[in-house]
Protein backbone atom coordinates (compact mmCIF):
# COMPACT_ATOMS: atom_id res chain seq x y z
CA MET A 1 16.30 -16.95 32.81
CA SER A 2 16.15 -19.78 30.65
CA HIS A 3 16.21 -23.23 31.47
CA PHE A 4 18.09 -25.68 29.22
CA LYS A 5 18.10 -29.68 28.36
CA LEU A 6 21.08 -31.12 27.03
CA LEU A 7 21.09 -34.47 24.64
CA ALA A 8 24.13 -35.57 22.71
CA LEU A 9 24.84 -34.85 18.95
CA PRO A 10 26.98 -36.25 16.47
CA LEU A 11 28.20 -32.76 15.70
CA CYS A 12 27.06 -30.59 18.81
CA LEU A 13 25.32 -30.00 21.44
CA PHE A 14 21.07 -29.30 21.42
CA LEU A 15 19.34 -27.85 24.06
CA THR A 16 16.67 -26.13 24.44
CA VAL A 17 15.68 -22.34 25.42
CA GLY A 18 13.12 -21.17 27.46
CA CYS A 19 11.03 -18.82 30.03
CA SER A 20 10.85 -19.47 33.46
CA ALA A 21 8.17 -18.10 35.73
CA LYS A 22 10.62 -14.76 35.90
CA THR A 23 10.18 -14.75 31.85
CA PRO A 24 7.86 -11.67 30.44
CA PRO A 25 5.02 -13.61 28.86
CA ARG A 26 5.50 -13.95 25.12
CA GLU A 27 4.78 -11.31 23.24
CA ALA A 28 2.86 -11.10 19.54
CA ALA A 29 4.69 -10.23 16.85
CA PRO A 30 3.96 -6.64 15.59
CA GLN A 31 1.98 -6.61 12.43
CA ALA A 32 2.54 -4.46 9.68
CA HIS A 33 0.81 -1.60 8.93
CA SER A 34 -2.48 -1.68 6.93
CA SER A 35 -1.70 1.00 4.32
CA GLN A 36 1.46 -0.36 3.53
CA ILE A 37 0.86 -2.83 1.15
CA ARG A 38 4.25 -5.18 -0.10
CA GLN A 39 4.44 -5.12 -3.81
CA GLU A 40 6.50 -8.09 -3.94
CA LYS A 41 5.30 -10.59 -1.40
CA GLY A 42 8.34 -12.88 0.32
CA ILE A 43 10.92 -10.29 -1.29
CA ALA A 44 12.65 -9.66 2.47
CA LEU A 45 12.75 -12.97 3.19
CA LEU A 46 15.50 -13.33 -0.12
CA ASN A 47 17.54 -11.01 1.98
CA LEU A 48 19.02 -13.84 4.27
CA GLN A 49 21.27 -17.02 3.17
CA GLU A 50 19.65 -20.22 2.66
CA LEU A 51 20.72 -23.47 4.52
CA ASN A 52 20.47 -26.45 2.46
CA ASP A 53 21.99 -30.10 2.29
CA SER A 54 25.35 -29.06 0.81
CA ASN A 55 26.30 -25.67 3.06
CA SER A 56 24.80 -25.87 6.42
CA GLU A 57 27.49 -27.58 7.91
CA GLU A 58 30.28 -24.56 6.11
CA LEU A 59 28.04 -21.82 7.10
CA ILE A 60 26.84 -22.87 11.12
CA LEU A 61 29.95 -24.81 12.25
CA LYS A 62 33.16 -22.99 10.44
CA SER A 63 31.39 -19.68 10.10
CA GLY A 64 33.52 -18.37 13.47
CA LYS A 65 30.24 -16.61 14.37
CA PRO A 66 27.29 -17.56 16.18
CA SER A 67 24.07 -17.79 14.11
CA PHE A 68 20.33 -17.27 14.08
CA VAL A 69 17.92 -19.77 12.33
CA VAL A 70 14.66 -19.27 11.37
CA VAL A 71 13.12 -22.60 10.23
CA TYR A 72 10.09 -22.84 8.44
CA SER A 73 7.97 -24.63 5.90
CA SER A 74 6.71 -22.84 2.30
CA LYS A 75 4.03 -25.31 2.56
CA GLU A 76 2.81 -23.33 5.75
CA SER A 77 2.57 -20.06 3.94
CA SER A 78 0.28 -17.40 5.16
CA PRO A 79 0.48 -14.15 5.87
CA ALA A 80 1.71 -14.29 9.92
CA GLN A 81 4.65 -16.49 8.67
CA GLU A 82 5.32 -14.33 6.28
CA GLN A 83 5.33 -10.97 8.85
CA GLN A 84 7.31 -12.99 11.21
CA LEU A 85 9.86 -13.97 8.36
CA GLU A 86 9.62 -9.72 7.59
CA GLN A 87 10.25 -9.44 10.81
CA ILE A 88 13.72 -11.65 11.28
CA VAL A 89 15.26 -10.23 8.54
CA ARG A 90 14.83 -6.43 9.91
CA ASP A 91 15.96 -7.62 13.34
CA SER A 92 19.08 -9.18 11.52
CA HIS A 93 20.75 -5.71 10.52
CA ASN A 94 20.74 -5.33 14.86
CA TYR A 95 23.79 -7.55 14.85
CA THR A 96 25.46 -7.43 11.65
CA GLY A 97 28.79 -8.21 11.65
CA ALA A 98 28.39 -10.15 15.19
CA VAL A 99 25.74 -12.89 14.46
CA ASN A 100 24.88 -14.38 11.61
CA PHE A 101 21.06 -15.19 10.02
CA TYR A 102 19.93 -17.46 7.88
CA ARG A 103 16.77 -19.27 6.76
CA LEU A 104 15.83 -22.98 6.56
CA ASP A 105 12.78 -24.42 4.24
CA GLN A 106 12.10 -27.26 5.99
CA ALA A 107 9.86 -28.39 3.13
CA LYS A 108 12.56 -28.23 0.77
CA TYR A 109 15.48 -29.49 2.54
CA PRO A 110 14.00 -31.90 5.16
CA ASN A 111 17.59 -33.58 5.40
CA THR A 112 19.07 -30.39 6.50
CA TRP A 113 16.14 -30.20 9.07
CA SER A 114 16.48 -33.82 10.02
CA ASN A 115 20.51 -32.86 10.82
CA ILE A 116 20.15 -30.33 12.39
CA SER A 117 17.60 -30.96 14.69
CA ASN A 118 18.90 -34.34 15.69
CA GLY A 119 15.93 -36.11 13.30
CA ARG A 120 13.55 -34.11 15.35
CA PRO A 121 9.59 -34.61 13.75
CA TRP A 122 8.62 -31.07 12.01
CA SER A 123 5.45 -30.06 13.03
CA GLN A 124 4.80 -26.74 12.76
CA GLY A 125 6.79 -23.39 12.23
CA PRO A 126 8.44 -21.23 11.92
CA CYS A 127 10.69 -21.92 14.57
CA PHE A 128 13.89 -20.42 16.09
CA LEU A 129 17.41 -22.51 16.40
CA MET A 130 20.26 -20.35 17.66
CA VAL A 131 23.71 -21.70 17.50
CA SER A 132 26.89 -21.61 19.38
CA ILE A 133 30.15 -22.27 18.54
CA ASN A 134 32.35 -21.92 21.61
CA PRO A 135 30.97 -23.86 23.25
CA LEU A 136 29.39 -25.96 20.03
CA MET A 137 25.63 -25.86 21.00
CA ILE A 138 22.41 -25.48 19.14
CA GLY A 139 19.27 -23.99 21.15
CA THR A 140 15.68 -24.50 20.23
CA VAL A 141 13.86 -21.25 21.26
CA MET A 142 10.90 -22.82 23.85
CA GLU A 143 8.16 -21.86 25.78
CA GLN A 144 6.14 -23.58 28.30
CA GLN A 145 2.69 -24.76 27.47
CA SER A 146 0.66 -26.39 30.46
CA GLY A 147 4.27 -27.30 32.04
CA ILE A 148 5.87 -28.72 28.79
CA ASP A 149 8.70 -26.91 26.93
CA VAL A 150 7.09 -26.74 23.23
CA PRO A 151 9.29 -24.54 19.95
CA LEU A 152 8.18 -21.23 20.14
CA HIS A 153 6.23 -20.12 16.86
CA THR A 154 5.73 -16.31 17.28
CA ILE A 155 8.70 -14.49 18.34
CA SER A 156 8.62 -10.60 19.04
CA SER A 157 11.55 -8.69 18.39
CA GLY A 158 12.23 -8.20 22.04
CA ARG A 159 11.94 -11.66 22.86
CA MET A 160 14.68 -12.33 20.55
CA SER A 161 17.03 -9.84 21.57
CA ALA A 162 16.67 -11.17 25.48
CA GLU A 163 17.11 -14.70 23.68
CA ILE A 164 20.02 -13.49 22.10
CA GLN A 165 21.63 -11.33 24.88
CA ARG A 166 20.80 -14.83 27.36
CA PHE A 167 22.40 -17.52 24.96
CA PHE A 168 25.01 -15.12 23.12
CA LYS A 169 25.67 -12.32 25.46
CA ILE A 170 25.61 -9.99 22.32
CA PRO A 171 23.57 -7.11 22.31
CA PRO A 172 22.02 -4.92 19.38
CA LEU A 173 24.76 -3.15 17.91
CA VAL A 174 22.46 -0.77 16.07
CA THR A 175 18.17 -0.83 17.13
CA HIS A 176 15.08 -0.20 14.68
CA ILE A 177 13.12 2.70 15.88
CA ASN A 178 9.32 2.41 15.60
CA ALA A 179 6.56 4.23 16.96
CA ASP A 180 6.73 2.34 20.15
CA ASN A 181 10.41 3.04 21.25
CA VAL A 182 11.16 6.61 19.18
CA ASP A 183 10.86 8.22 22.47
CA GLN A 184 13.06 6.30 24.39
CA LEU A 185 15.41 5.74 21.59
CA VAL A 186 16.05 9.51 19.93
CA LEU A 187 13.35 11.82 21.70
CA ASN A 188 13.93 11.83 25.01
CA PRO A 189 18.02 11.48 24.85
CA GLY A 190 18.25 13.99 22.44
CA LEU A 191 21.41 12.89 21.66
CA PRO A 192 22.45 14.10 18.26
CA THR A 193 21.23 11.17 15.75
CA PHE A 194 22.17 9.74 12.46
CA ILE A 195 20.23 7.38 11.15
CA MET A 196 19.89 4.74 7.60
CA VAL A 197 16.55 4.32 6.20
CA TYR A 198 15.95 2.10 3.63
CA ARG A 199 13.16 -0.50 2.94
CA ASN A 200 12.78 -4.22 4.31
CA SER A 201 11.06 -5.63 1.33
CA SER A 202 13.82 -4.33 -1.34
CA PRO A 203 16.63 -6.50 -1.70
CA GLN A 204 19.50 -5.89 0.55
CA ARG A 205 21.51 -8.66 -0.32
CA ASP A 206 25.13 -6.60 -0.09
CA LEU A 207 25.11 -6.25 3.64
CA THR A 208 28.48 -3.59 3.10
CA GLN A 209 26.51 -0.53 4.30
CA PHE A 210 24.72 -2.25 7.60
CA HIS A 211 28.79 -3.18 8.51
CA ARG A 212 29.40 0.33 7.89
CA PHE A 213 26.70 1.93 9.85
CA VAL A 214 27.37 -1.18 12.94
CA TYR A 215 31.15 0.32 12.56
CA GLU A 216 30.80 3.58 12.53
CA SER A 217 27.83 3.07 15.17
CA GLN A 218 31.03 2.02 17.70
CA LEU A 219 32.77 4.99 17.51
CA TYR A 220 29.95 7.43 18.26
CA LYS A 221 29.24 5.85 21.51
CA GLY A 222 27.23 8.45 24.04
CA ARG A 223 27.44 11.39 21.70
CA VAL A 224 25.93 10.30 18.45
CA GLY A 225 22.73 7.81 18.28
CA PHE A 226 22.81 5.69 15.41
CA VAL A 227 19.54 3.59 14.38
CA TYR A 228 17.86 2.29 11.39
CA ILE A 229 13.87 3.46 10.71
CA ASP A 230 12.24 1.06 7.53
CA LEU A 231 10.21 2.02 5.38
CA ASP A 232 8.27 -0.74 5.13
CA GLN A 233 7.07 -0.22 9.09
CA LEU A 234 4.63 3.02 10.17
CA ASP A 235 5.96 6.38 9.01
CA LEU A 236 7.65 8.26 11.86
CA SER A 237 7.84 11.62 10.14
CA SER A 238 5.14 13.54 12.32
CA LYS A 239 6.75 11.81 15.59
CA LEU A 240 10.10 13.30 14.53
CA GLY A 241 8.58 16.49 13.26
CA LEU A 242 10.28 16.18 9.74
CA SER A 243 8.98 14.38 6.49
CA ILE A 244 10.57 11.32 6.23
CA PRO A 245 11.03 10.63 1.74
CA GLN A 246 9.41 7.19 1.03
CA GLN A 247 11.54 5.83 -1.63
CA GLY A 248 13.35 2.09 -2.70
CA ALA A 249 17.07 2.98 -2.49
CA PRO A 250 18.57 3.81 0.96
CA TYR A 251 19.74 6.80 2.32
CA TYR A 252 20.61 8.63 6.05
CA LEU A 253 18.91 11.33 8.01
CA LEU A 254 21.45 13.52 10.17
CA TYR A 255 18.77 14.71 12.78
CA ASN A 256 18.64 17.29 16.28
CA PRO A 257 15.88 15.71 18.36
CA GLN A 258 15.93 18.94 20.09
CA THR A 259 15.65 21.52 17.45
CA ARG A 260 14.38 19.41 14.93
CA LYS A 261 16.21 19.97 11.91
CA TYR A 262 17.83 16.91 9.62
CA GLN A 263 19.58 16.84 6.74
CA VAL A 264 19.02 14.25 3.97
CA ILE A 265 21.72 12.23 2.76
CA ASN A 266 20.72 10.79 -0.69
CA ASN A 267 24.03 8.09 -1.29
CA PRO A 268 23.16 4.70 -0.67
CA THR A 269 26.79 3.77 -0.34
CA LEU A 270 28.09 6.38 1.79
CA SER A 271 31.77 5.29 2.39
CA GLY A 272 32.59 5.07 6.53
CA LYS A 273 34.84 8.86 6.04
CA GLU A 274 31.79 10.15 4.43
CA MET A 275 29.57 9.70 7.23
CA GLU A 276 32.21 10.82 9.76
CA MET A 277 32.39 14.35 7.81
CA ALA A 278 29.11 14.33 7.41
CA ILE A 279 28.32 14.06 11.50
CA SER A 280 31.29 16.48 11.79
CA GLN A 281 29.69 18.82 9.94
CA PHE A 282 26.02 18.87 10.74
CA PHE A 283 26.59 18.73 14.66
CA GLY A 284 29.87 20.38 15.18
CA PRO A 285 32.74 20.31 17.06
CA GLY A 286 33.03 17.48 19.85
CA HIS A 287 31.28 15.15 17.15
CA GLU A 288 34.08 13.26 16.10
CA PRO A 289 34.55 9.46 16.24
CA ALA A 290 36.73 8.06 18.57
CA LYS A 291 40.41 7.17 17.19
CA VAL A 292 41.02 2.99 16.72
CA ILE A 293 44.74 2.39 17.72
CA TYR A 294 46.06 -0.70 15.79
CA GLN A 295 48.83 -2.18 18.06
């Protein structure tokens, strides 16, 4: 359970989100597999919209959705920070349509940092802000060091998911599978599975496909599992018993965990209706989407 500190701000309330004694200890941010070397460093970060002096109020306060902001300094560039930022970009797709994710370079826009933090001096990055719209609050993810609350500088996917759940009451809509959770999310449940495969280091500024994938996932809850695979992470081919194509453009996999049969759909702009037709044809009767009734 998180604990809070409240301070009055001109436009909002500032609170700190941290761990109590019952909160699991901080996990280390996942490391990229050593054999998977990025060809263009920093390109994944460009997939998050950047806050600046002119757009921050519009994007954060008038979007109508809660926001997660990763604040970093380009003057503190390091492999560890780069991997952390890449993880944030990857995990942002788990909340497409529900939570807005932004980036803020404190070294580039010190005034924006000063405004959003109520003048807090910059010490070290990255740090993680969460903005609630109703009620209007800005929270910083914290940890305790020697009994003192300090900003968290390394956040794992699990910790980020837990904080979003606590602060916004929003669970992940779709989850990335990796070597640690593929048994729990795919193999053990044994549900027919629809997989969106993409490469986090490739430009993905158009989020249309992620929006479609998340929307369709809600129509198949409990009957077809929807998950992501990021090709920049450890290859899951042997674990799933199939050959996962390594390519730049996004594509889709229909996968039966029980028979290990699969089908590749090489269409990066697959429509929602085409997703539904592919699922029905591959998995057979009983795997149609729920009907949406508009009143």
